[in-house]
Amino acid sequence: MRGYGSGYEGDNFYEPIGAEELPTSSSVPSAAPGFYGFVTEDEPNPACNGAASADQPRSIDPSLLCPRVASAGITDFTFSPGASPSNVNLPRNAGFAGGTYFYPADPMALSSDVTGGDWHLSGTVAGVSGFGLYLNRCKELDASGYAGIEFSLWGHIDAPGALFFFVGTAANQVSDAWIDQHKSNPSVADEPPNVGRCIPIASRYDGTCREARLKLPLTETPTLVRASWQDLTDGCPQGSVDAAEITSIAWYFPEAAAAAYGVDLHIDDLRFSVTLPP
């Protein structure tokens, strides 16, 4: 994985610079973009009161829009001999090109293993850590034909750790134009084009542009998690998810407030939900 500034899009999906270059893991950037800055905030940001951030209208390059999602399946994490043991590429029937990532890359932190036919994340969480999907080429998914996202989840997280699932949307993503206009150093490369419309109150990391999220329960046996778009809350300025403009799908472990904590979990059969959970 290339470092921040050469292959990462902020709080959107990961996307490598080369369309066919596939990331394997990521170190947390020193100037952590997007959701990285707020993964320890379990409560809604008081600054997000419905009027705190502007939903900035903007024209979108059609090439940034993925074809509308027409197949519920995303990935069942099938491992192909000779492929990366730590990440998978999304299958062709997913309808959009991409794959998985995890962070940080420190061998003493989080590790990823897909050789067992599911996604096994394990290790020790001290700083911001997580995993998710990246897209190749396009930047926004239209999954409005589906009710949410579902997957099998099982494992264990030591106290006081937790696991959150989030889905970002264009309304909550900081506009690349705003980021470019507020660079602290003109020599810094421009932000890659995105579909974001959110204009922060003060800074990119002030919490007024953030993804909707859901804290997940975890059991030792495989359990179906069915998260409807409405289940994901505390986004800003848009409280929940507009499934027609999805820009990120990921999970994170909150940073340890004191001692580091252990994690050992599995995810399988990731797909869009056809029906709402009961």
Foldseek 3Di string as FASTA:
>chain_A
DDAPQQFQQFPFFTGHNDLPDADEEAEQDPPHGACQLPLQPPDFDPCQDLPNKDQADDDDDVQQEAPEFDFFFFAQLDDDPPDDQFKDWTDVNRRFTWIKYWDDPPPQAWGWGSHVRWTKIWHKFAGKIWMFIHGRRHFWYQHVLFFFKKWKKAWDKDPPKFKKKWWAFQSQAAAQVLCQVPDPDVVRDGRDHHSHRIDHNPDSSPNQRHTFMATDDHHHDIDMDTAGQVRGASGHNDGTDDNGTTRTTIMIMHHDPDDMIITIMIIGRITTHNDHDD
